[in-house]
PDB file of N, CA and C in Angstrom:
ATOM      1  N   UNK A   1     -27.868 -12.697  -2.431  1.00  0.00           N
ATOM      2  CA  UNK A   1     -27.251 -12.998  -1.164  1.00  0.00           C
ATOM      3  C   UNK A   1     -26.641 -14.403  -1.187  1.00  0.00           C
ATOM      4  N   UNK A   2     -27.319 -15.323  -1.855  1.00  0.00           N
ATOM      5  CA  UNK A   2     -26.784 -16.684  -1.942  1.00  0.00           C
ATOM      6  C   UNK A   2     -25.470 -16.704  -2.719  1.00  0.00           C
ATOM      7  N   UNK A   3     -25.394 -15.862  -3.763  1.00  0.00           N
ATOM      8  CA  UNK A   3     -24.172 -15.806  -4.560  1.00  0.00           C
ATOM      9  C   UNK A   3     -23.010 -15.281  -3.724  1.00  0.00           C
ATOM     10  N   UNK A   4     -23.291 -14.319  -2.852  1.00  0.00           N
ATOM     11  CA  UNK A   4     -22.251 -13.760  -2.000  1.00  0.00           C
ATOM     12  C   UNK A   4     -21.667 -14.827  -1.086  1.00  0.00           C
ATOM     13  N   UNK A   5     -22.537 -15.591  -0.436  1.00  0.00           N
ATOM     14  CA  UNK A   5     -22.059 -16.643   0.455  1.00  0.00           C
ATOM     15  C   UNK A   5     -21.332 -17.742  -0.306  1.00  0.00           C
ATOM     16  N   UNK A   6     -21.846 -18.083  -1.479  1.00  0.00           N
ATOM     17  CA  UNK A   6     -21.187 -19.101  -2.296  1.00  0.00           C
ATOM     18  C   UNK A   6     -19.792 -18.639  -2.692  1.00  0.00           C
ATOM     19  N   UNK A   7     -19.670 -17.392  -3.125  1.00  0.00           N
ATOM     20  CA  UNK A   7     -18.376 -16.845  -3.514  1.00  0.00           C
ATOM     21  C   UNK A   7     -17.428 -16.777  -2.312  1.00  0.00           C
ATOM     22  N   UNK A   8     -17.953 -16.333  -1.175  1.00  0.00           N
ATOM     23  CA  UNK A   8     -17.123 -16.178   0.009  1.00  0.00           C
ATOM     24  C   UNK A   8     -16.613 -17.525   0.515  1.00  0.00           C
ATOM     25  N   UNK A   9     -17.521 -18.468   0.700  1.00  0.00           N
ATOM     26  CA  UNK A   9     -17.112 -19.761   1.232  1.00  0.00           C
ATOM     27  C   UNK A   9     -16.343 -20.580   0.208  1.00  0.00           C
ATOM     28  N   UNK A  10     -16.649 -20.377  -1.071  1.00  0.00           N
ATOM     29  CA  UNK A  10     -15.885 -21.056  -2.117  1.00  0.00           C
ATOM     30  C   UNK A  10     -14.446 -20.585  -2.164  1.00  0.00           C
ATOM     31  N   UNK A  11     -14.248 -19.274  -2.041  1.00  0.00           N
ATOM     32  CA  UNK A  11     -12.872 -18.766  -2.034  1.00  0.00           C
ATOM     33  C   UNK A  11     -12.141 -19.185  -0.760  1.00  0.00           C
ATOM     34  N   UNK A  12     -12.838 -19.262   0.353  1.00  0.00           N
ATOM     35  CA  UNK A  12     -12.202 -19.738   1.587  1.00  0.00           C
ATOM     36  C   UNK A  12     -11.758 -21.190   1.438  1.00  0.00           C
ATOM     37  N   UNK A  13     -12.602 -21.994   0.817  1.00  0.00           N
ATOM     38  CA  UNK A  13     -12.253 -23.397   0.622  1.00  0.00           C
ATOM     39  C   UNK A  13     -11.081 -23.537  -0.346  1.00  0.00           C
ATOM     40  N   UNK A  14     -11.042 -22.686  -1.366  1.00  0.00           N
ATOM     41  CA  UNK A  14      -9.958 -22.753  -2.342  1.00  0.00           C
ATOM     42  C   UNK A  14      -8.606 -22.411  -1.716  1.00  0.00           C
ATOM     43  N   UNK A  15      -8.596 -21.488  -0.771  1.00  0.00           N
ATOM     44  CA  UNK A  15      -7.357 -21.090  -0.112  1.00  0.00           C
ATOM     45  C   UNK A  15      -7.080 -21.860   1.170  1.00  0.00           C
ATOM     46  N   UNK A  16      -7.981 -22.723   1.562  1.00  0.00           N
ATOM     47  CA  UNK A  16      -7.787 -23.510   2.781  1.00  0.00           C
ATOM     48  C   UNK A  16      -7.931 -22.689   4.051  1.00  0.00           C
ATOM     49  N   UNK A  17      -8.732 -21.628   3.999  1.00  0.00           N
ATOM     50  CA  UNK A  17      -8.923 -20.759   5.161  1.00  0.00           C
ATOM     51  C   UNK A  17      -9.929 -21.384   6.127  1.00  0.00           C
ATOM     52  N   UNK A  18      -9.819 -20.998   7.389  1.00  0.00           N
ATOM     53  CA  UNK A  18     -10.768 -21.473   8.393  1.00  0.00           C
ATOM     54  C   UNK A  18     -11.612 -20.307   8.875  1.00  0.00           C
ATOM     55  N   UNK A  19     -12.815 -20.628   9.318  1.00  0.00           N
ATOM     56  CA  UNK A  19     -13.737 -19.608   9.805  1.00  0.00           C
ATOM     57  C   UNK A  19     -13.530 -19.441  11.308  1.00  0.00           C
ATOM     58  N   UNK A  20     -13.224 -18.223  11.721  1.00  0.00           N
ATOM     59  CA  UNK A  20     -13.045 -17.920  13.139  1.00  0.00           C
ATOM     60  C   UNK A  20     -14.103 -16.911  13.570  1.00  0.00           C
ATOM     61  N   UNK A  21     -14.193 -16.662  14.847  1.00  0.00           N
ATOM     62  CA  UNK A  21     -15.168 -15.688  15.341  1.00  0.00           C
ATOM     63  C   UNK A  21     -14.885 -14.275  14.811  1.00  0.00           C
ATOM     64  N   UNK A  22     -13.626 -13.813  14.800  1.00  0.00           N
ATOM     65  CA  UNK A  22     -13.387 -12.501  14.192  1.00  0.00           C
ATOM     66  C   UNK A  22     -13.742 -12.466  12.702  1.00  0.00           C
ATOM     67  N   UNK A  23     -13.551 -13.582  12.020  1.00  0.00           N
ATOM     68  CA  UNK A  23     -13.926 -13.661  10.612  1.00  0.00           C
ATOM     69  C   UNK A  23     -15.421 -13.540  10.412  1.00  0.00           C
ATOM     70  N   UNK A  24     -16.178 -14.211  11.263  1.00  0.00           N
ATOM     71  CA  UNK A  24     -17.640 -14.123  11.203  1.00  0.00           C
ATOM     72  C   UNK A  24     -18.082 -12.692  11.490  1.00  0.00           C
ATOM     73  N   UNK A  25     -17.461 -12.061  12.486  1.00  0.00           N
ATOM     74  CA  UNK A  25     -17.794 -10.670  12.801  1.00  0.00           C
ATOM     75  C   UNK A  25     -17.482  -9.752  11.629  1.00  0.00           C
ATOM     76  N   UNK A  26     -16.366  -9.989  10.940  1.00  0.00           N
ATOM     77  CA  UNK A  26     -16.015  -9.189   9.775  1.00  0.00           C
ATOM     78  C   UNK A  26     -17.004  -9.344   8.642  1.00  0.00           C
ATOM     79  N   UNK A  27     -17.479 -10.562   8.421  1.00  0.00           N
ATOM     80  CA  UNK A  27     -18.475 -10.808   7.374  1.00  0.00           C
ATOM     81  C   UNK A  27     -19.766 -10.071   7.704  1.00  0.00           C
ATOM     82  N   UNK A  28     -20.204 -10.173   8.946  1.00  0.00           N
ATOM     83  CA  UNK A  28     -21.438  -9.503   9.356  1.00  0.00           C
ATOM     84  C   UNK A  28     -21.283  -7.990   9.241  1.00  0.00           C
ATOM     85  N   UNK A  29     -20.124  -7.460   9.632  1.00  0.00           N
ATOM     86  CA  UNK A  29     -19.875  -6.024   9.522  1.00  0.00           C
ATOM     87  C   UNK A  29     -19.880  -5.575   8.064  1.00  0.00           C
ATOM     88  N   UNK A  30     -19.284  -6.360   7.184  1.00  0.00           N
ATOM     89  CA  UNK A  30     -19.262  -6.010   5.759  1.00  0.00           C
ATOM     90  C   UNK A  30     -20.664  -5.980   5.168  1.00  0.00           C
ATOM     91  N   UNK A  31     -21.477  -6.955   5.513  1.00  0.00           N
ATOM     92  CA  UNK A  31     -22.854  -6.991   5.023  1.00  0.00           C
ATOM     93  C   UNK A  31     -23.635  -5.801   5.575  1.00  0.00           C
ATOM     94  N   UNK A  32     -23.427  -5.496   6.851  1.00  0.00           N
ATOM     95  CA  UNK A  32     -24.112  -4.355   7.458  1.00  0.00           C
ATOM     96  C   UNK A  32     -23.737  -3.038   6.811  1.00  0.00           C
ATOM     97  N   UNK A  33     -22.459  -2.864   6.472  1.00  0.00           N
ATOM     98  CA  UNK A  33     -22.029  -1.628   5.818  1.00  0.00           C
ATOM     99  C   UNK A  33     -22.623  -1.517   4.411  1.00  0.00           C
ATOM    100  N   UNK A  34     -22.725  -2.635   3.705  1.00  0.00           N
ATOM    101  CA  UNK A  34     -23.310  -2.608   2.363  1.00  0.00           C
ATOM    102  C   UNK A  34     -24.787  -2.254   2.420  1.00  0.00           C
ATOM    103  N   UNK A  35     -25.498  -2.819   3.375  1.00  0.00           N
ATOM    104  CA  UNK A  35     -26.919  -2.510   3.539  1.00  0.00           C
ATOM    105  C   UNK A  35     -27.089  -1.047   3.919  1.00  0.00           C
ATOM    106  N   UNK A  36     -26.239  -0.545   4.810  1.00  0.00           N
ATOM    107  CA  UNK A  36     -26.315   0.849   5.230  1.00  0.00           C
ATOM    108  C   UNK A  36     -26.089   1.797   4.061  1.00  0.00           C
ATOM    109  N   UNK A  37     -25.148   1.475   3.201  1.00  0.00           N
ATOM    110  CA  UNK A  37     -24.888   2.314   2.024  1.00  0.00           C
ATOM    111  C   UNK A  37     -26.106   2.345   1.110  1.00  0.00           C
ATOM    112  N   UNK A  38     -26.750   1.212   0.912  1.00  0.00           N
ATOM    113  CA  UNK A  38     -27.943   1.179   0.071  1.00  0.00           C
ATOM    114  C   UNK A  38     -29.082   1.981   0.682  1.00  0.00           C
ATOM    115  N   UNK A  39     -29.231   1.902   1.989  1.00  0.00           N
ATOM    116  CA  UNK A  39     -30.293   2.660   2.659  1.00  0.00           C
ATOM    117  C   UNK A  39     -30.047   4.157   2.499  1.00  0.00           C
ATOM    118  N   UNK A  40     -28.794   4.591   2.648  1.00  0.00           N
ATOM    119  CA  UNK A  40     -28.471   6.014   2.482  1.00  0.00           C
ATOM    120  C   UNK A  40     -28.813   6.480   1.075  1.00  0.00           C
ATOM    121  N   UNK A  41     -28.434   5.695   0.075  1.00  0.00           N
ATOM    122  CA  UNK A  41     -28.701   6.074  -1.313  1.00  0.00           C
ATOM    123  C   UNK A  41     -30.193   6.153  -1.582  1.00  0.00           C
ATOM    124  N   UNK A  42     -30.950   5.157  -1.172  1.00  0.00           N
ATOM    125  CA  UNK A  42     -32.377   5.152  -1.477  1.00  0.00           C
ATOM    126  C   UNK A  42     -33.143   6.203  -0.682  1.00  0.00           C
ATOM    127  N   UNK A  43     -32.734   6.494   0.540  1.00  0.00           N
ATOM    128  CA  UNK A  43     -33.384   7.552   1.306  1.00  0.00           C
ATOM    129  C   UNK A  43     -33.128   8.911   0.666  1.00  0.00           C
ATOM    130  N   UNK A  44     -31.930   9.117   0.180  1.00  0.00           N
ATOM    131  CA  UNK A  44     -31.607  10.383  -0.475  1.00  0.00           C
ATOM    132  C   UNK A  44     -32.429  10.556  -1.747  1.00  0.00           C
ATOM    133  N   UNK A  45     -32.581   9.506  -2.508  1.00  0.00           N
ATOM    134  CA  UNK A  45     -33.392   9.566  -3.723  1.00  0.00           C
ATOM    135  C   UNK A  45     -34.843   9.853  -3.374  1.00  0.00           C
ATOM    136  N   UNK A  46     -35.337   9.226  -2.319  1.00  0.00           N
ATOM    137  CA  UNK A  46     -36.721   9.456  -1.900  1.00  0.00           C
ATOM    138  C   UNK A  46     -36.939  10.905  -1.477  1.00  0.00           C
ATOM    139  N   UNK A  47     -35.972  11.487  -0.755  1.00  0.00           N
ATOM    140  CA  UNK A  47     -36.068  12.896  -0.364  1.00  0.00           C
ATOM    141  C   UNK A  47     -36.159  13.802  -1.580  1.00  0.00           C
ATOM    142  N   UNK A  48     -35.306  13.565  -2.547  1.00  0.00           N
ATOM    143  CA  UNK A  48     -35.296  14.415  -3.733  1.00  0.00           C
ATOM    144  C   UNK A  48     -36.569  14.238  -4.554  1.00  0.00           C
ATOM    145  N   UNK A  49     -37.100  13.043  -4.607  1.00  0.00           N
ATOM    146  CA  UNK A  49     -38.355  12.835  -5.331  1.00  0.00           C
ATOM    147  C   UNK A  49     -39.500  13.578  -4.666  1.00  0.00           C
ATOM    148  N   UNK A  50     -39.467  13.635  -3.337  1.00  0.00           N
ATOM    149  CA  UNK A  50     -40.515  14.374  -2.635  1.00  0.00           C
ATOM    150  C   UNK A  50     -40.396  15.871  -2.881  1.00  0.00           C
ATOM    151  N   UNK A  51     -39.176  16.388  -2.949  1.00  0.00           N
ATOM    152  CA  UNK A  51     -38.968  17.827  -3.133  1.00  0.00           C
ATOM    153  C   UNK A  51     -38.984  18.258  -4.600  1.00  0.00           C
ATOM    154  N   UNK A  52     -38.632  17.339  -5.495  1.00  0.00           N
ATOM    155  CA  UNK A  52     -38.550  17.620  -6.934  1.00  0.00           C
ATOM    156  C   UNK A  52     -37.750  18.884  -7.227  1.00  0.00           C
ATOM    157  N   UNK A  53     -36.577  18.970  -6.640  1.00  0.00           N
ATOM    158  CA  UNK A  53     -35.714  20.137  -6.833  1.00  0.00           C
ATOM    159  C   UNK A  53     -34.939  20.020  -8.140  1.00  0.00           C
ATOM    160  N   UNK A  54     -34.377  18.880  -8.404  1.00  0.00           N
ATOM    161  CA  UNK A  54     -33.485  18.712  -9.553  1.00  0.00           C
ATOM    162  C   UNK A  54     -34.199  17.993 -10.694  1.00  0.00           C
ATOM    163  N   UNK A  55     -33.867  18.399 -11.918  1.00  0.00           N
ATOM    164  CA  UNK A  55     -34.444  17.728 -13.079  1.00  0.00           C
ATOM    165  C   UNK A  55     -33.793  16.379 -13.310  1.00  0.00           C
ATOM    166  N   UNK A  56     -32.470  16.341 -13.225  1.00  0.00           N
ATOM    167  CA  UNK A  56     -31.737  15.096 -13.425  1.00  0.00           C
ATOM    168  C   UNK A  56     -31.536  14.423 -12.067  1.00  0.00           C
ATOM    169  N   UNK A  57     -32.613  13.958 -11.520  1.00  0.00           N
ATOM    170  CA  UNK A  57     -32.667  13.557 -10.114  1.00  0.00           C
ATOM    171  C   UNK A  57     -31.827  12.327  -9.801  1.00  0.00           C
ATOM    172  N   UNK A  58     -31.757  11.364 -10.701  1.00  0.00           N
ATOM    173  CA  UNK A  58     -31.035  10.136 -10.389  1.00  0.00           C
ATOM    174  C   UNK A  58     -29.530  10.364 -10.302  1.00  0.00           C
ATOM    175  N   UNK A  59     -28.963  11.153 -11.191  1.00  0.00           N
ATOM    176  CA  UNK A  59     -27.524  11.395 -11.168  1.00  0.00           C
ATOM    177  C   UNK A  59     -27.130  12.221  -9.957  1.00  0.00           C
ATOM    178  N   UNK A  60     -27.876  13.258  -9.658  1.00  0.00           N
ATOM    179  CA  UNK A  60     -27.556  14.129  -8.523  1.00  0.00           C
ATOM    180  C   UNK A  60     -27.631  13.347  -7.223  1.00  0.00           C
ATOM    181  N   UNK A  61     -28.674  12.591  -7.032  1.00  0.00           N
ATOM    182  CA  UNK A  61     -28.835  11.830  -5.794  1.00  0.00           C
ATOM    183  C   UNK A  61     -27.770  10.773  -5.641  1.00  0.00           C
ATOM    184  N   UNK A  62     -27.468  10.099  -6.718  1.00  0.00           N
ATOM    185  CA  UNK A  62     -26.473   9.046  -6.623  1.00  0.00           C
ATOM    186  C   UNK A  62     -25.117   9.629  -6.270  1.00  0.00           C
ATOM    187  N   UNK A  63     -24.752  10.749  -6.874  1.00  0.00           N
ATOM    188  CA  UNK A  63     -23.454  11.359  -6.578  1.00  0.00           C
ATOM    189  C   UNK A  63     -23.372  11.807  -5.123  1.00  0.00           C
ATOM    190  N   UNK A  64     -24.412  12.456  -4.627  1.00  0.00           N
ATOM    191  CA  UNK A  64     -24.390  12.923  -3.240  1.00  0.00           C
ATOM    192  C   UNK A  64     -24.411  11.748  -2.267  1.00  0.00           C
ATOM    193  N   UNK A  65     -25.191  10.746  -2.566  1.00  0.00           N
ATOM    194  CA  UNK A  65     -25.240   9.574  -1.698  1.00  0.00           C
ATOM    195  C   UNK A  65     -23.936   8.803  -1.739  1.00  0.00           C
ATOM    196  N   UNK A  66     -23.349   8.726  -2.909  1.00  0.00           N
ATOM    197  CA  UNK A  66     -22.065   8.042  -3.034  1.00  0.00           C
ATOM    198  C   UNK A  66     -20.992   8.772  -2.231  1.00  0.00           C
ATOM    199  N   UNK A  67     -21.034  10.097  -2.250  1.00  0.00           N
ATOM    200  CA  UNK A  67     -20.081  10.879  -1.471  1.00  0.00           C
ATOM    201  C   UNK A  67     -20.241  10.587   0.025  1.00  0.00           C
ATOM    202  N   UNK A  68     -21.487  10.539   0.500  1.00  0.00           N
ATOM    203  CA  UNK A  68     -21.720  10.235   1.919  1.00  0.00           C
ATOM    204  C   UNK A  68     -21.279   8.824   2.272  1.00  0.00           C
ATOM    205  N   UNK A  69     -21.543   7.884   1.392  1.00  0.00           N
ATOM    206  CA  UNK A  69     -21.130   6.506   1.635  1.00  0.00           C
ATOM    207  C   UNK A  69     -19.611   6.392   1.655  1.00  0.00           C
ATOM    208  N   UNK A  70     -18.941   7.105   0.758  1.00  0.00           N
ATOM    209  CA  UNK A  70     -17.485   7.091   0.716  1.00  0.00           C
ATOM    210  C   UNK A  70     -16.893   7.665   2.004  1.00  0.00           C
ATOM    211  N   UNK A  71     -17.472   8.772   2.486  1.00  0.00           N
ATOM    212  CA  UNK A  71     -17.018   9.365   3.740  1.00  0.00           C
ATOM    213  C   UNK A  71     -17.180   8.385   4.896  1.00  0.00           C
ATOM    214  N   UNK A  72     -18.289   7.658   4.900  1.00  0.00           N
ATOM    215  CA  UNK A  72     -18.531   6.683   5.959  1.00  0.00           C
ATOM    216  C   UNK A  72     -17.489   5.570   5.922  1.00  0.00           C
ATOM    217  N   UNK A  73     -17.136   5.100   4.731  1.00  0.00           N
ATOM    218  CA  UNK A  73     -16.131   4.043   4.620  1.00  0.00           C
ATOM    219  C   UNK A  73     -14.752   4.541   5.022  1.00  0.00           C
ATOM    220  N   UNK A  74     -14.423   5.776   4.687  1.00  0.00           N
ATOM    221  CA  UNK A  74     -13.140   6.352   5.117  1.00  0.00           C
ATOM    222  C   UNK A  74     -13.097   6.438   6.635  1.00  0.00           C
ATOM    223  N   UNK A  75     -14.200   6.863   7.229  1.00  0.00           N
ATOM    224  CA  UNK A  75     -14.260   6.966   8.684  1.00  0.00           C
ATOM    225  C   UNK A  75     -14.091   5.596   9.337  1.00  0.00           C
ATOM    226  N   UNK A  76     -14.719   4.580   8.782  1.00  0.00           N
ATOM    227  CA  UNK A  76     -14.582   3.225   9.328  1.00  0.00           C
ATOM    228  C   UNK A  76     -13.146   2.728   9.208  1.00  0.00           C
ATOM    229  N   UNK A  77     -12.499   3.043   8.086  1.00  0.00           N
ATOM    230  CA  UNK A  77     -11.105   2.643   7.895  1.00  0.00           C
ATOM    231  C   UNK A  77     -10.198   3.321   8.914  1.00  0.00           C
ATOM    232  N   UNK A  78     -10.425   4.603   9.164  1.00  0.00           N
ATOM    233  CA  UNK A  78      -9.628   5.311  10.172  1.00  0.00           C
ATOM    234  C   UNK A  78      -9.823   4.716  11.562  1.00  0.00           C
ATOM    235  N   UNK A  79     -11.041   4.372  11.889  1.00  0.00           N
ATOM    236  CA  UNK A  79     -11.311   3.768  13.198  1.00  0.00           C
ATOM    237  C   UNK A  79     -10.597   2.432  13.323  1.00  0.00           C
ATOM    238  N   UNK A  80     -10.635   1.619  12.257  1.00  0.00           N
ATOM    239  CA  UNK A  80      -9.954   0.323  12.289  1.00  0.00           C
ATOM    240  C   UNK A  80      -8.451   0.494  12.456  1.00  0.00           C
ATOM    241  N   UNK A  81      -7.871   1.454  11.753  1.00  0.00           N
ATOM    242  CA  UNK A  81      -6.426   1.696  11.890  1.00  0.00           C
ATOM    243  C   UNK A  81      -6.076   2.158  13.295  1.00  0.00           C
ATOM    244  N   UNK A  82      -6.898   3.027  13.856  1.00  0.00           N
ATOM    245  CA  UNK A  82      -6.651   3.511  15.216  1.00  0.00           C
ATOM    246  C   UNK A  82      -6.723   2.369  16.218  1.00  0.00           C
ATOM    247  N   UNK A  83      -7.735   1.513  16.066  1.00  0.00           N
ATOM    248  CA  UNK A  83      -7.852   0.375  16.976  1.00  0.00           C
ATOM    249  C   UNK A  83      -6.673  -0.570  16.844  1.00  0.00           C
ATOM    250  N   UNK A  84      -6.204  -0.764  15.609  1.00  0.00           N
ATOM    251  CA  UNK A  84      -5.046  -1.636  15.390  1.00  0.00           C
ATOM    252  C   UNK A  84      -3.798  -1.043  16.033  1.00  0.00           C
ATOM    253  N   UNK A  85      -3.608   0.251  15.862  1.00  0.00           N
ATOM    254  CA  UNK A  85      -2.443   0.905  16.460  1.00  0.00           C
ATOM    255  C   UNK A  85      -2.497   0.854  17.980  1.00  0.00           C
ATOM    256  N   UNK A  86      -3.667   1.058  18.554  1.00  0.00           N
ATOM    257  CA  UNK A  86      -3.807   0.992  20.012  1.00  0.00           C
ATOM    258  C   UNK A  86      -3.540  -0.429  20.510  1.00  0.00           C
ATOM    259  N   UNK A  87      -4.016  -1.410  19.759  1.00  0.00           N
ATOM    260  CA  UNK A  87      -3.795  -2.795  20.164  1.00  0.00           C
ATOM    261  C   UNK A  87      -2.308  -3.120  20.137  1.00  0.00           C
ATOM    262  N   UNK A  88      -1.609  -2.682  19.094  1.00  0.00           N
ATOM    263  CA  UNK A  88      -0.169  -2.939  19.002  1.00  0.00           C
ATOM    264  C   UNK A  88       0.597  -2.208  20.104  1.00  0.00           C
ATOM    265  N   UNK A  89       0.156  -1.024  20.440  1.00  0.00           N
ATOM    266  CA  UNK A  89       0.851  -0.233  21.442  1.00  0.00           C
ATOM    267  C   UNK A  89       0.716  -0.824  22.832  1.00  0.00           C
ATOM    268  N   UNK A  90      -0.459  -1.328  23.173  1.00  0.00           N
ATOM    269  CA  UNK A  90      -0.694  -1.793  24.546  1.00  0.00           C
ATOM    270  C   UNK A  90      -0.531  -3.289  24.746  1.00  0.00           C
ATOM    271  N   UNK A  91      -0.278  -4.060  23.687  1.00  0.00           N
ATOM    272  CA  UNK A  91      -0.144  -5.502  23.839  1.00  0.00           C
ATOM    273  C   UNK A  91       1.304  -5.973  23.696  1.00  0.00           C
ATOM    274  N   UNK A  92       2.241  -5.085  23.756  1.00  0.00           N
ATOM    275  CA  UNK A  92       3.642  -5.508  23.659  1.00  0.00           C
ATOM    276  C   UNK A  92       4.226  -5.781  25.007  1.00  0.00           C
TER     277      UNK A  92
END
């Protein structure tokens, strides 16, 4: 986690960027999405370990969890685009 903040703030300093409230919200949202993806993956692995359905359990779980995480990120991207379009439409 320390490396993430060092990389983030170091790159901001290199480009001369400033920290704003929307920027802070974006950082928190990004961290939350990463944590959520990890929770989905580990919960799926735990379910499969309890059921012992598949022999190659790590590959199967990772693929299914990765698919769910990818769907979640696509959904978040669509929501962001919709909000941006609505903002542009009503703020002119």
